[in-house]
């Protein structure tokens, strides 16, 4: 719950925000990207959004203040949203509000191949992955802050890519610190999908950079992992050789 003590200080007195029901606040205005709107509506929201941000931050000087300002702007303008839960995934352990149900319909042995090359005739998948989480399956780990800052360079290797049956092979995770932790089946599926999407996305972007900017195509070795190399190799070898 966001601690906004004085809405009128942000919106001005008499704002329609004050008459929004609890149900509508949760189901029509508690939203985040991706957004779809007409240019006219989005422009109107953006004007109020930028106007409200300083006031929200004054009362709530924390992460997501700018998103709460968006919600207030939409409510102030009486522009309720139709929420589509299937457009985006982010948190593998989210209780709802994300499109993971689509991923859980994919046969586990196909999750990585679908993630890397979606076939919408066979499996529908979300349109957006918001990678603000840590994703961990077996020895495979992905976190945005672990990506080397020189990944887009001629000398840097690429990320090592997971085996296609990652979601079948592991029912646990090896943390970057080396701890082995059992994982729920649904979390393995979701995390495997995210890992396969994101590693390929980073590699595709880095490969394009190297092909267009580097003599000879640059370093194409796929060797970077985000778990200690000795832990990764030990665990990977145990499972790959089964």
Protein backbone atom coordinates (compact mmCIF):
# COMPACT_ATOMS: atom_id res chain seq x y z
CA UNK A 1 0.00 0.00 0.00
CA UNK A 2 1.28 3.43 -0.95
CA UNK A 3 1.33 6.06 1.76
CA UNK A 4 -0.10 9.14 0.05
CA UNK A 5 -1.49 11.22 2.88
CA UNK A 6 -2.81 14.21 0.98
CA UNK A 7 -4.12 13.57 -2.52
CA UNK A 8 -5.41 17.14 -2.85
CA UNK A 9 -1.88 18.46 -2.42
CA UNK A 10 -0.91 16.47 -5.53
CA UNK A 11 -3.99 16.81 -7.73
CA UNK A 12 -5.60 19.98 -6.44
CA UNK A 13 -8.93 20.05 -4.56
CA UNK A 14 -11.98 18.33 -5.97
CA UNK A 15 -10.16 15.77 -8.10
CA UNK A 16 -12.15 12.78 -9.36
CA UNK A 17 -9.43 10.66 -7.73
CA UNK A 18 -11.24 11.15 -4.43
CA UNK A 19 -14.39 9.42 -5.69
CA UNK A 20 -12.71 6.31 -7.17
CA UNK A 21 -14.04 3.14 -5.54
CA UNK A 22 -11.75 0.58 -3.96
CA UNK A 23 -12.72 -1.92 -6.67
CA UNK A 24 -11.90 0.48 -9.51
CA UNK A 25 -8.66 1.55 -7.84
CA UNK A 26 -7.51 -2.07 -7.89
CA UNK A 27 -8.97 -3.16 -11.21
CA UNK A 28 -8.98 -0.07 -13.41
CA UNK A 29 -6.16 2.18 -12.24
CA UNK A 30 -3.57 -0.05 -10.54
CA UNK A 31 -1.67 -0.60 -13.78
CA UNK A 32 1.82 -0.65 -15.25
CA UNK A 33 3.52 -1.03 -18.63
CA UNK A 34 3.02 -2.02 -21.33
CA UNK A 35 0.30 0.57 -21.94
CA UNK A 36 -1.95 0.76 -25.00
CA UNK A 37 -3.89 3.98 -25.51
CA UNK A 38 -4.92 6.45 -28.15
CA UNK A 39 -2.42 9.26 -28.75
CA UNK A 40 -4.94 11.80 -27.41
CA UNK A 41 -5.54 9.91 -24.15
CA UNK A 42 -1.88 9.11 -23.58
CA UNK A 43 -0.91 12.73 -24.17
CA UNK A 44 -3.53 13.88 -21.65
CA UNK A 45 -2.29 11.35 -19.09
CA UNK A 46 1.35 12.26 -19.73
CA UNK A 47 0.73 15.96 -19.06
CA UNK A 48 -0.88 15.22 -15.68
CA UNK A 49 1.56 12.40 -14.97
CA UNK A 50 4.56 14.72 -15.22
CA UNK A 51 2.67 17.33 -13.20
CA UNK A 52 1.87 14.88 -10.37
CA UNK A 53 5.25 13.12 -10.08
CA UNK A 54 6.97 15.75 -7.86
CA UNK A 55 4.03 15.79 -5.45
CA UNK A 56 3.89 11.99 -5.22
CA UNK A 57 7.64 11.81 -4.69
CA UNK A 58 7.42 14.43 -1.94
CA UNK A 59 5.02 12.20 0.01
CA UNK A 60 6.43 8.85 -1.15
CA UNK A 61 10.14 9.28 -2.06
CA UNK A 62 10.68 5.67 -3.09
CA UNK A 63 10.83 3.32 -6.06
CA UNK A 64 7.65 3.30 -8.19
CA UNK A 65 6.60 6.82 -7.17
CA UNK A 66 6.44 7.78 -10.84
CA UNK A 67 4.16 4.80 -11.57
CA UNK A 68 1.81 5.77 -8.75
CA UNK A 69 1.71 9.24 -10.32
CA UNK A 70 0.59 7.64 -13.60
CA UNK A 71 -2.26 5.88 -11.80
CA UNK A 72 -3.34 9.15 -10.15
CA UNK A 73 -3.19 10.97 -13.49
CA UNK A 74 -5.43 8.40 -15.18
CA UNK A 75 -7.91 8.48 -12.29
CA UNK A 76 -7.87 12.30 -12.21
CA UNK A 77 -8.79 12.34 -15.91
CA UNK A 78 -11.35 9.55 -15.43
CA UNK A 79 -9.62 7.31 -17.95
CA UNK A 80 -10.00 3.79 -16.51
CA UNK A 81 -7.94 0.96 -17.99
CA UNK A 82 -8.94 -2.47 -19.19
CA UNK A 83 -6.28 -4.65 -17.61
CA UNK A 84 -4.88 -7.53 -19.70
CA UNK A 85 -2.92 -9.91 -17.46
CA UNK A 86 -1.42 -11.95 -20.30
CA UNK A 87 0.63 -9.20 -22.01
CA UNK A 88 3.61 -9.20 -19.65
CA UNK A 89 5.65 -11.50 -17.41
CA UNK A 90 8.26 -10.51 -14.85
CA UNK A 91 8.19 -12.31 -11.51
CA UNK A 92 8.13 -16.17 -11.62
CA UNK A 93 6.53 -16.34 -8.18
CA UNK A 94 3.88 -13.69 -8.83
CA UNK A 95 0.52 -14.75 -7.47
CA UNK A 96 -1.38 -13.15 -10.35
CA UNK A 97 -1.52 -10.20 -12.68
CA UNK A 98 1.07 -11.60 -15.11
CA UNK A 99 0.94 -13.88 -18.15
CA UNK A 100 2.68 -16.92 -16.69
CA UNK A 101 -0.42 -19.07 -17.22
CA UNK A 102 0.47 -19.07 -20.92
CA UNK A 103 3.94 -20.42 -20.13
CA UNK A 104 2.55 -23.15 -17.89
CA UNK A 105 0.55 -24.48 -20.86
CA UNK A 106 3.76 -25.21 -22.79
CA UNK A 107 5.16 -28.74 -22.57
CA UNK A 108 8.21 -28.50 -20.32
CA UNK A 109 10.50 -30.06 -22.89
CA UNK A 110 9.52 -27.29 -25.35
CA UNK A 111 9.78 -24.27 -23.07
CA UNK A 112 13.27 -23.15 -24.08
CA UNK A 113 12.76 -23.68 -27.81
CA UNK A 114 9.44 -21.78 -27.68
CA UNK A 115 11.11 -18.99 -25.71
CA UNK A 116 13.85 -18.67 -28.32
CA UNK A 117 11.61 -19.06 -31.36
CA UNK A 118 7.90 -18.62 -30.55
CA UNK A 119 5.35 -20.48 -32.66
CA UNK A 120 2.11 -18.64 -31.98
CA UNK A 121 0.11 -21.20 -33.93
CA UNK A 122 1.08 -23.77 -31.30
CA UNK A 123 1.65 -21.77 -28.12
CA UNK A 124 0.58 -18.23 -27.30
CA UNK A 125 3.22 -16.33 -25.30
CA UNK A 126 3.26 -12.92 -23.59
CA UNK A 127 4.31 -9.89 -25.64
CA UNK A 128 6.72 -8.41 -23.08
CA UNK A 129 9.18 -9.75 -20.53
CA UNK A 130 10.17 -7.24 -17.87
CA UNK A 131 13.50 -8.51 -16.61
CA UNK A 132 13.81 -6.80 -13.27
CA UNK A 133 13.99 -10.13 -11.39
CA UNK A 134 16.66 -12.78 -10.77
CA UNK A 135 16.02 -15.99 -12.72
CA UNK A 136 17.65 -19.22 -11.54
CA UNK A 137 17.28 -22.84 -12.71
CA UNK A 138 19.89 -25.49 -11.94
CA UNK A 139 23.26 -23.78 -12.49
CA UNK A 140 21.70 -21.23 -14.88
CA UNK A 141 21.26 -17.73 -13.55
CA UNK A 142 20.31 -14.41 -15.12
CA UNK A 143 20.18 -10.98 -13.51
CA UNK A 144 20.43 -7.73 -15.43
CA UNK A 145 23.05 -6.26 -13.12
CA UNK A 146 25.36 -9.23 -13.76
CA UNK A 147 25.69 -8.53 -17.48
CA UNK A 148 29.25 -7.32 -18.16
CA UNK A 149 29.35 -3.62 -18.98
CA UNK A 150 31.53 -4.36 -22.01
CA UNK A 151 29.19 -7.00 -23.50
CA UNK A 152 28.77 -4.75 -26.56
CA UNK A 153 32.41 -4.79 -27.57
CA UNK A 154 34.56 -6.69 -30.03
CA UNK A 155 36.60 -8.51 -27.38
CA UNK A 156 33.88 -9.64 -24.97
CA UNK A 157 32.58 -13.20 -25.31
CA UNK A 158 28.85 -13.86 -25.45
CA UNK A 159 26.67 -15.46 -22.79
CA UNK A 160 26.71 -19.23 -22.54
CA UNK A 161 23.36 -20.61 -23.75
CA UNK A 162 21.28 -23.16 -21.83
CA UNK A 163 20.40 -26.62 -23.07
CA UNK A 164 16.92 -26.81 -24.59
CA UNK A 165 15.62 -29.25 -21.96
CA UNK A 166 16.54 -26.97 -19.05
CA UNK A 167 12.98 -27.03 -17.65
CA UNK A 168 12.97 -30.85 -17.57
CA UNK A 169 16.49 -31.40 -16.33
CA UNK A 170 16.38 -29.38 -13.10
CA UNK A 171 13.97 -29.22 -10.16
CA UNK A 172 16.29 -27.00 -8.12
CA UNK A 173 18.55 -24.00 -8.44
CA UNK A 174 22.19 -23.32 -7.61
CA UNK A 175 22.43 -19.77 -6.33
CA UNK A 176 25.39 -17.56 -7.30
CA UNK A 177 26.69 -18.18 -3.79
CA UNK A 178 26.64 -21.96 -4.33
CA UNK A 179 23.58 -23.01 -2.32
CA UNK A 180 21.33 -25.74 -3.76
CA UNK A 181 17.63 -24.95 -3.29
CA UNK A 182 14.61 -26.99 -4.39
CA UNK A 183 12.22 -25.18 -6.72
CA UNK A 184 8.51 -25.55 -7.40
CA UNK A 185 7.67 -26.96 -10.83
CA UNK A 186 5.85 -23.77 -11.89
CA UNK A 187 8.83 -21.62 -10.89
CA UNK A 188 11.19 -23.86 -12.89
CA UNK A 189 9.00 -23.46 -15.99
CA UNK A 190 8.69 -19.69 -15.61
CA UNK A 191 12.36 -19.15 -14.81
CA UNK A 192 13.49 -21.42 -17.66
CA UNK A 193 11.39 -19.42 -20.11
CA UNK A 194 12.86 -16.14 -18.86
CA UNK A 195 16.44 -17.42 -18.93
CA UNK A 196 16.11 -18.75 -22.48
CA UNK A 197 14.47 -15.55 -23.76
CA UNK A 198 16.89 -13.17 -22.10
CA UNK A 199 20.17 -14.95 -22.83
CA UNK A 200 19.23 -15.20 -26.48
CA UNK A 201 18.12 -11.54 -26.59
CA UNK A 202 21.42 -10.33 -25.14
CA UNK A 203 23.43 -12.60 -27.43
CA UNK A 204 21.45 -11.56 -30.52
CA UNK A 205 22.04 -7.88 -29.75
CA UNK A 206 25.74 -8.40 -29.00
CA UNK A 207 26.16 -10.58 -32.12
CA UNK A 208 24.62 -7.84 -34.28
CA UNK A 209 26.99 -5.29 -32.76
CA UNK A 210 30.01 -7.49 -33.45
CA UNK A 211 28.94 -8.26 -37.02
CA UNK A 212 28.49 -4.58 -37.86
CA UNK A 213 31.31 -2.98 -35.83
CA UNK A 214 34.12 -5.51 -35.45
CA UNK A 215 36.68 -6.75 -37.95
CA UNK A 216 36.18 -10.46 -38.43
CA UNK A 217 32.97 -10.45 -36.37
CA UNK A 218 34.66 -10.07 -32.98
CA UNK A 219 34.71 -12.63 -30.19
CA UNK A 220 31.83 -15.09 -30.75
CA UNK A 221 32.71 -17.49 -27.91
CA UNK A 222 29.71 -18.23 -25.69
CA UNK A 223 31.35 -18.62 -22.30
CA UNK A 224 29.94 -16.06 -19.84
CA UNK A 225 27.95 -17.49 -16.90
CA UNK A 226 26.69 -15.71 -13.80
CA UNK A 227 27.40 -18.46 -11.28
CA UNK A 228 30.96 -19.21 -10.13
CA UNK A 229 32.53 -21.08 -13.02
CA UNK A 230 33.63 -24.11 -11.01
CA UNK A 231 30.16 -24.53 -9.47
CA UNK A 232 28.51 -24.11 -12.85
CA UNK A 233 30.75 -26.60 -14.63
CA UNK A 234 30.40 -29.23 -11.91
CA UNK A 235 26.61 -29.02 -11.88
CA UNK A 236 26.22 -28.71 -15.64
CA UNK A 237 28.48 -31.71 -16.31
CA UNK A 238 26.59 -33.88 -13.79
CA UNK A 239 23.28 -33.26 -15.57
CA UNK A 240 24.36 -33.07 -19.20
CA UNK A 241 26.10 -36.43 -18.98
CA UNK A 242 23.08 -38.24 -17.52
